[in-house]
C-alpha atoms as a PDB file:
ATOM      1  CA  UNK A   1    -189.603 178.723-113.017  1.00  0.00           C
ATOM      2  CA  UNK A   2    -185.870 177.294-113.238  1.00  0.00           C
ATOM      3  CA  UNK A   3    -185.254 175.062-110.444  1.00  0.00           C
ATOM      4  CA  UNK A   4    -181.862 176.315-108.233  1.00  0.00           C
ATOM      5  CA  UNK A   5    -179.265 174.048-109.238  1.00  0.00           C
ATOM      6  CA  UNK A   6    -178.286 171.020-106.469  1.00  0.00           C
ATOM      7  CA  UNK A   7    -175.612 172.490-104.855  1.00  0.00           C
ATOM      8  CA  UNK A   8    -173.722 169.653-102.565  1.00  0.00           C
ATOM      9  CA  UNK A   9    -170.433 170.853-100.201  1.00  0.00           C
ATOM     10  CA  UNK A  10    -168.749 169.267 -97.831  1.00  0.00           C
ATOM     11  CA  UNK A  11    -167.115 170.750 -94.815  1.00  0.00           C
ATOM     12  CA  UNK A  12    -163.859 168.921 -93.963  1.00  0.00           C
ATOM     13  CA  UNK A  13    -162.891 169.789 -90.318  1.00  0.00           C
ATOM     14  CA  UNK A  14    -162.393 169.847 -86.362  1.00  0.00           C
ATOM     15  CA  UNK A  15    -164.640 170.068 -83.646  1.00  0.00           C
ATOM     16  CA  UNK A  16    -165.781 173.671 -84.662  1.00  0.00           C
ATOM     17  CA  UNK A  17    -167.172 171.959 -87.933  1.00  0.00           C
ATOM     18  CA  UNK A  18    -168.677 169.522 -85.766  1.00  0.00           C
ATOM     19  CA  UNK A  19    -170.548 171.872 -83.596  1.00  0.00           C
ATOM     20  CA  UNK A  20    -169.388 170.798 -80.382  1.00  0.00           C
ATOM     21  CA  UNK A  21    -170.950 172.776 -77.416  1.00  0.00           C
ATOM     22  CA  UNK A  22    -173.387 174.083 -79.479  1.00  0.00           C
ATOM     23  CA  UNK A  23    -176.320 172.802 -77.462  1.00  0.00           C
ATOM     24  CA  UNK A  24    -178.941 173.534 -80.858  1.00  0.00           C
ATOM     25  CA  UNK A  25    -176.459 170.762 -82.282  1.00  0.00           C
ATOM     26  CA  UNK A  26    -176.130 173.431 -85.455  1.00  0.00           C
ATOM     27  CA  UNK A  27    -173.013 174.682 -85.261  1.00  0.00           C
ATOM     28  CA  UNK A  28    -170.988 177.606 -87.623  1.00  0.00           C
ATOM     29  CA  UNK A  29    -172.227 175.136 -90.721  1.00  0.00           C
ATOM     30  CA  UNK A  30    -175.544 174.660 -89.768  1.00  0.00           C
ATOM     31  CA  UNK A  31    -176.359 178.049 -89.882  1.00  0.00           C
ATOM     32  CA  UNK A  32    -174.555 179.411 -92.954  1.00  0.00           C
ATOM     33  CA  UNK A  33    -176.402 176.851 -94.737  1.00  0.00           C
ATOM     34  CA  UNK A  34    -179.671 177.575 -93.180  1.00  0.00           C
ATOM     35  CA  UNK A  35    -178.813 181.344 -94.312  1.00  0.00           C
ATOM     36  CA  UNK A  36    -177.906 179.832 -97.989  1.00  0.00           C
ATOM     37  CA  UNK A  37    -181.118 178.315 -98.112  1.00  0.00           C
ATOM     38  CA  UNK A  38    -183.373 180.787 -97.042  1.00  0.00           C
ATOM     39  CA  UNK A  39    -181.480 182.907 -99.500  1.00  0.00           C
ATOM     40  CA  UNK A  40    -182.227 180.656-102.229  1.00  0.00           C
ATOM     41  CA  UNK A  41    -179.515 178.069-103.076  1.00  0.00           C
ATOM     42  CA  UNK A  42    -180.794 174.270-103.109  1.00  0.00           C
ATOM     43  CA  UNK A  43    -177.751 173.443-100.782  1.00  0.00           C
ATOM     44  CA  UNK A  44    -177.038 170.659 -99.034  1.00  0.00           C
ATOM     45  CA  UNK A  45    -174.015 170.725 -96.695  1.00  0.00           C
ATOM     46  CA  UNK A  46    -172.298 168.079 -94.728  1.00  0.00           C
ATOM     47  CA  UNK A  47    -170.664 168.259 -91.963  1.00  0.00           C
ATOM     48  CA  UNK A  48    -167.510 166.164 -91.802  1.00  0.00           C
ATOM     49  CA  UNK A  49    -166.168 166.975 -88.139  1.00  0.00           C
ATOM     50  CA  UNK A  50    -163.837 165.366 -86.025  1.00  0.00           C
ATOM     51  CA  UNK A  51    -163.140 166.418 -82.653  1.00  0.00           C
ATOM     52  CA  UNK A  52    -159.408 166.823 -81.955  1.00  0.00           C
ATOM     53  CA  UNK A  53    -158.372 166.086 -85.530  1.00  0.00           C
ATOM     54  CA  UNK A  54    -155.472 168.701 -87.578  1.00  0.00           C
ATOM     55  CA  UNK A  55    -154.800 169.126 -90.636  1.00  0.00           C
ATOM     56  CA  UNK A  56    -153.178 166.378 -91.762  1.00  0.00           C
ATOM     57  CA  UNK A  57    -155.481 164.689 -90.821  1.00  0.00           C
ATOM     58  CA  UNK A  58    -158.447 166.141 -91.996  1.00  0.00           C
ATOM     59  CA  UNK A  59    -156.369 166.296 -95.153  1.00  0.00           C
ATOM     60  CA  UNK A  60    -156.152 161.985 -95.356  1.00  0.00           C
ATOM     61  CA  UNK A  61    -159.521 161.027 -95.177  1.00  0.00           C
ATOM     62  CA  UNK A  62    -160.680 163.874 -97.785  1.00  0.00           C
ATOM     63  CA  UNK A  63    -161.087 161.633-100.460  1.00  0.00           C
ATOM     64  CA  UNK A  64    -162.627 158.719 -98.676  1.00  0.00           C
ATOM     65  CA  UNK A  65    -165.326 161.111 -97.155  1.00  0.00           C
ATOM     66  CA  UNK A  66    -165.623 164.201-100.250  1.00  0.00           C
ATOM     67  CA  UNK A  67    -165.827 161.530-103.131  1.00  0.00           C
ATOM     68  CA  UNK A  68    -169.243 159.761-102.128  1.00  0.00           C
ATOM     69  CA  UNK A  69    -170.767 163.136-101.355  1.00  0.00           C
ATOM     70  CA  UNK A  70    -169.946 165.190-103.639  1.00  0.00           C
ATOM     71  CA  UNK A  71    -170.871 162.179-106.468  1.00  0.00           C
ATOM     72  CA  UNK A  72    -174.126 163.778-107.348  1.00  0.00           C
ATOM     73  CA  UNK A  73    -175.810 166.817-108.554  1.00  0.00           C
ATOM     74  CA  UNK A  74    -175.043 170.011-110.259  1.00  0.00           C
ATOM     75  CA  UNK A  75    -172.283 171.637-108.446  1.00  0.00           C
ATOM     76  CA  UNK A  76    -169.791 170.612-105.935  1.00  0.00           C
ATOM     77  CA  UNK A  77    -167.676 172.257-103.797  1.00  0.00           C
ATOM     78  CA  UNK A  78    -164.680 171.393-100.403  1.00  0.00           C
ATOM     79  CA  UNK A  79    -164.938 173.837 -97.279  1.00  0.00           C
ATOM     80  CA  UNK A  80    -161.973 173.273 -95.224  1.00  0.00           C
ATOM     81  CA  UNK A  81    -161.743 174.205 -91.917  1.00  0.00           C
ATOM     82  CA  UNK A  82    -159.369 173.263 -88.958  1.00  0.00           C
ATOM     83  CA  UNK A  83    -155.932 175.017 -87.624  1.00  0.00           C
ATOM     84  CA  UNK A  84    -156.400 174.898 -84.107  1.00  0.00           C
ATOM     85  CA  UNK A  85    -155.643 171.642 -82.778  1.00  0.00           C
ATOM     86  CA  UNK A  86    -152.251 172.164 -85.128  1.00  0.00           C
ATOM     87  CA  UNK A  87    -151.264 174.589 -82.118  1.00  0.00           C
ATOM     88  CA  UNK A  88    -152.111 172.398 -79.518  1.00  0.00           C
ATOM     89  CA  UNK A  89    -148.637 171.713 -77.316  1.00  0.00           C
ATOM     90  CA  UNK A  90    -148.344 168.211 -76.314  1.00  0.00           C
ATOM     91  CA  UNK A  91    -145.375 166.699 -74.667  1.00  0.00           C
ATOM     92  CA  UNK A  92    -143.587 170.046 -75.306  1.00  0.00           C
ATOM     93  CA  UNK A  93    -144.200 170.136 -79.003  1.00  0.00           C
ATOM     94  CA  UNK A  94    -147.029 171.268 -81.683  1.00  0.00           C
ATOM     95  CA  UNK A  95    -149.358 168.681 -82.884  1.00  0.00           C
ATOM     96  CA  UNK A  96    -148.617 169.503 -86.278  1.00  0.00           C
ATOM     97  CA  UNK A  97    -145.784 172.379 -86.843  1.00  0.00           C
ATOM     98  CA  UNK A  98    -147.170 175.660 -89.486  1.00  0.00           C
ATOM     99  CA  UNK A  99    -144.968 173.702 -92.403  1.00  0.00           C
ATOM    100  CA  UNK A 100    -147.154 170.975 -91.749  1.00  0.00           C
ATOM    101  CA  UNK A 101    -150.120 172.407 -91.573  1.00  0.00           C
ATOM    102  CA  UNK A 102    -149.621 173.979 -95.302  1.00  0.00           C
ATOM    103  CA  UNK A 103    -148.115 171.083 -96.594  1.00  0.00           C
ATOM    104  CA  UNK A 104    -151.107 169.151 -95.451  1.00  0.00           C
ATOM    105  CA  UNK A 105    -153.206 172.626 -97.028  1.00  0.00           C
ATOM    106  CA  UNK A 106    -151.558 171.965-100.027  1.00  0.00           C
ATOM    107  CA  UNK A 107    -152.071 168.422-100.284  1.00  0.00           C
ATOM    108  CA  UNK A 108    -156.025 169.106-100.070  1.00  0.00           C
ATOM    109  CA  UNK A 109    -155.852 171.854-102.758  1.00  0.00           C
ATOM    110  CA  UNK A 110    -154.108 169.421-104.865  1.00  0.00           C
ATOM    111  CA  UNK A 111    -156.437 166.581-104.758  1.00  0.00           C
ATOM    112  CA  UNK A 112    -159.353 168.800-104.587  1.00  0.00           C
ATOM    113  CA  UNK A 113    -158.156 170.288-107.944  1.00  0.00           C
ATOM    114  CA  UNK A 114    -158.178 167.258-109.629  1.00  0.00           C
ATOM    115  CA  UNK A 115    -161.386 165.514-108.360  1.00  0.00           C
ATOM    116  CA  UNK A 116    -162.768 169.624-109.459  1.00  0.00           C
ATOM    117  CA  UNK A 117    -164.081 170.919-106.808  1.00  0.00           C
ATOM    118  CA  UNK A 118    -163.742 174.149-105.809  1.00  0.00           C
ATOM    119  CA  UNK A 119    -162.561 174.880-102.387  1.00  0.00           C
ATOM    120  CA  UNK A 120    -162.809 177.499 -98.976  1.00  0.00           C
ATOM    121  CA  UNK A 121    -160.461 177.516 -96.417  1.00  0.00           C
ATOM    122  CA  UNK A 122    -162.099 178.912 -93.519  1.00  0.00           C
ATOM    123  CA  UNK A 123    -159.409 180.012 -90.906  1.00  0.00           C
ATOM    124  CA  UNK A 124    -158.965 178.728 -87.498  1.00  0.00           C
ATOM    125  CA  UNK A 125    -160.851 180.136 -84.048  1.00  0.00           C
ATOM    126  CA  UNK A 126    -159.335 181.251 -80.861  1.00  0.00           C
ATOM    127  CA  UNK A 127    -159.399 179.937 -77.512  1.00  0.00           C
ATOM    128  CA  UNK A 128    -159.014 180.748 -74.004  1.00  0.00           C
ATOM    129  CA  UNK A 129    -155.551 180.314 -73.871  1.00  0.00           C
ATOM    130  CA  UNK A 130    -153.708 183.895 -74.540  1.00  0.00           C
ATOM    131  CA  UNK A 131    -150.764 181.786 -75.660  1.00  0.00           C
ATOM    132  CA  UNK A 132    -152.121 179.176 -78.149  1.00  0.00           C
ATOM    133  CA  UNK A 133    -154.004 182.608 -79.802  1.00  0.00           C
ATOM    134  CA  UNK A 134    -150.945 184.240 -80.478  1.00  0.00           C
ATOM    135  CA  UNK A 135    -149.974 180.577 -82.614  1.00  0.00           C
ATOM    136  CA  UNK A 136    -153.663 180.163 -84.051  1.00  0.00           C
ATOM    137  CA  UNK A 137    -153.398 184.042 -85.197  1.00  0.00           C
ATOM    138  CA  UNK A 138    -149.944 183.157 -86.352  1.00  0.00           C
ATOM    139  CA  UNK A 139    -151.297 179.856 -88.334  1.00  0.00           C
ATOM    140  CA  UNK A 140    -154.222 182.074 -90.077  1.00  0.00           C
ATOM    141  CA  UNK A 141    -151.431 184.404 -91.135  1.00  0.00           C
ATOM    142  CA  UNK A 142    -150.188 181.491 -92.614  1.00  0.00           C
ATOM    143  CA  UNK A 143    -153.150 180.174 -94.337  1.00  0.00           C
ATOM    144  CA  UNK A 144    -154.623 183.194 -95.337  1.00  0.00           C
ATOM    145  CA  UNK A 145    -150.899 184.226 -97.441  1.00  0.00           C
ATOM    146  CA  UNK A 146    -150.482 180.390 -98.708  1.00  0.00           C
ATOM    147  CA  UNK A 147    -154.492 180.746 -99.756  1.00  0.00           C
ATOM    148  CA  UNK A 148    -153.779 183.885-101.458  1.00  0.00           C
ATOM    149  CA  UNK A 149    -151.166 182.458-102.963  1.00  0.00           C
ATOM    150  CA  UNK A 150    -152.952 179.314-104.548  1.00  0.00           C
ATOM    151  CA  UNK A 151    -155.751 182.187-105.689  1.00  0.00           C
ATOM    152  CA  UNK A 152    -158.478 180.275-102.931  1.00  0.00           C
ATOM    153  CA  UNK A 153    -160.718 182.414-100.809  1.00  0.00           C
ATOM    154  CA  UNK A 154    -159.866 182.235 -97.616  1.00  0.00           C
ATOM    155  CA  UNK A 155    -162.542 183.446 -94.683  1.00  0.00           C
ATOM    156  CA  UNK A 156    -160.803 184.820 -91.755  1.00  0.00           C
ATOM    157  CA  UNK A 157    -161.834 184.550 -88.145  1.00  0.00           C
ATOM    158  CA  UNK A 158    -159.091 184.715 -85.975  1.00  0.00           C
ATOM    159  CA  UNK A 159    -158.584 188.705 -86.290  1.00  0.00           C
ATOM    160  CA  UNK A 160    -161.930 189.572 -86.069  1.00  0.00           C
ATOM    161  CA  UNK A 161    -162.265 187.282 -82.735  1.00  0.00           C
ATOM    162  CA  UNK A 162    -159.051 188.995 -81.046  1.00  0.00           C
ATOM    163  CA  UNK A 163    -160.059 191.054 -78.334  1.00  0.00           C
ATOM    164  CA  UNK A 164    -163.744 190.229 -78.634  1.00  0.00           C
ATOM    165  CA  UNK A 165    -164.587 189.797 -75.253  1.00  0.00           C
ATOM    166  CA  UNK A 166    -168.060 188.197 -75.194  1.00  0.00           C
ATOM    167  CA  UNK A 167    -166.328 185.296 -77.110  1.00  0.00           C
ATOM    168  CA  UNK A 168    -163.347 184.675 -74.441  1.00  0.00           C
ATOM    169  CA  UNK A 169    -166.546 184.635 -72.016  1.00  0.00           C
ATOM    170  CA  UNK A 170    -168.628 182.838 -73.485  1.00  0.00           C
ATOM    171  CA  UNK A 171    -165.652 180.089 -74.457  1.00  0.00           C
ATOM    172  CA  UNK A 172    -164.262 180.283 -71.177  1.00  0.00           C
ATOM    173  CA  UNK A 173    -168.237 179.246 -69.711  1.00  0.00           C
ATOM    174  CA  UNK A 174    -168.105 175.923 -71.965  1.00  0.00           C
ATOM    175  CA  UNK A 175    -164.778 174.288 -72.219  1.00  0.00           C
ATOM    176  CA  UNK A 176    -162.017 176.512 -73.082  1.00  0.00           C
ATOM    177  CA  UNK A 177    -162.252 176.143 -76.989  1.00  0.00           C
ATOM    178  CA  UNK A 178    -166.006 176.008 -78.000  1.00  0.00           C
ATOM    179  CA  UNK A 179    -168.768 178.690 -78.376  1.00  0.00           C
ATOM    180  CA  UNK A 180    -172.890 177.707 -77.678  1.00  0.00           C
ATOM    181  CA  UNK A 181    -174.775 179.002 -79.623  1.00  0.00           C
ATOM    182  CA  UNK A 182    -174.500 182.783 -79.559  1.00  0.00           C
ATOM    183  CA  UNK A 183    -170.987 181.885 -80.241  1.00  0.00           C
ATOM    184  CA  UNK A 184    -171.869 179.637 -83.379  1.00  0.00           C
ATOM    185  CA  UNK A 185    -173.893 182.657 -84.707  1.00  0.00           C
ATOM    186  CA  UNK A 186    -170.783 184.965 -84.358  1.00  0.00           C
ATOM    187  CA  UNK A 187    -168.351 182.177 -86.519  1.00  0.00           C
ATOM    188  CA  UNK A 188    -171.427 181.991 -88.888  1.00  0.00           C
ATOM    189  CA  UNK A 189    -171.743 185.297 -89.358  1.00  0.00           C
ATOM    190  CA  UNK A 190    -167.774 185.828 -89.952  1.00  0.00           C
ATOM    191  CA  UNK A 191    -168.071 182.949 -92.254  1.00  0.00           C
ATOM    192  CA  UNK A 192    -170.807 184.034 -94.785  1.00  0.00           C
ATOM    193  CA  UNK A 193    -169.148 186.520 -96.857  1.00  0.00           C
ATOM    194  CA  UNK A 194    -166.430 184.453 -97.933  1.00  0.00           C
ATOM    195  CA  UNK A 195    -169.185 181.375 -97.837  1.00  0.00           C
ATOM    196  CA  UNK A 196    -171.929 183.423-100.004  1.00  0.00           C
ATOM    197  CA  UNK A 197    -169.111 184.818-102.991  1.00  0.00           C
ATOM    198  CA  UNK A 198    -167.578 181.315-103.090  1.00  0.00           C
ATOM    199  CA  UNK A 199    -171.309 179.316-103.544  1.00  0.00           C
ATOM    200  CA  UNK A 200    -172.028 181.809-106.490  1.00  0.00           C
ATOM    201  CA  UNK A 201    -168.918 181.320-108.101  1.00  0.00           C
ATOM    202  CA  UNK A 202    -169.353 177.336-107.205  1.00  0.00           C
ATOM    203  CA  UNK A 203    -173.135 177.527-108.839  1.00  0.00           C
ATOM    204  CA  UNK A 204    -171.737 180.047-111.976  1.00  0.00           C
ATOM    205  CA  UNK A 205    -168.695 177.291-112.749  1.00  0.00           C
ATOM    206  CA  UNK A 206    -171.117 174.643-113.541  1.00  0.00           C
ATOM    207  CA  UNK A 207    -173.858 176.380-115.537  1.00  0.00           C
END
């Protein structure tokens, strides 16, 4: 029997990628990785989330953090998951404008292409602030369009969560932004179809 390929995936993102608020300390990344392993993939997933980071900030640490983690193994991939903090308004302005977010994403995609790392982009989740959610949903649409233009798979999260009373109630009960275990399972379920297809392609391209 042939051993499954050794797959390494770096997940760069914000507090959602870090699993903030999850009492099980798994977040959606840990749950997706566990499902992938249960499916038969020999996957090592590195959750590299930092609280409050915007997409431009995530992009600036991309190579320093991804290179050592994607150095070995049989197949490699990069997941980029941010955007919520970009839409936060501080001192009267967004922490990152839509153009700044898209420019940062372009930089990430270019760097990943140069390193031969396939990329999956995971969109931002909704929070308990209706006004910010309008900005998040608009940004998610812009990110999806940019990914389509670049031929990069995109896991949409905001649209399925819109109008989800259970999601809003859960994050409101935690801190207004992050869910607990049930919410992170919901995120994992939303990300999984795109992740599973992308992971199969990552492994297939390395054969």
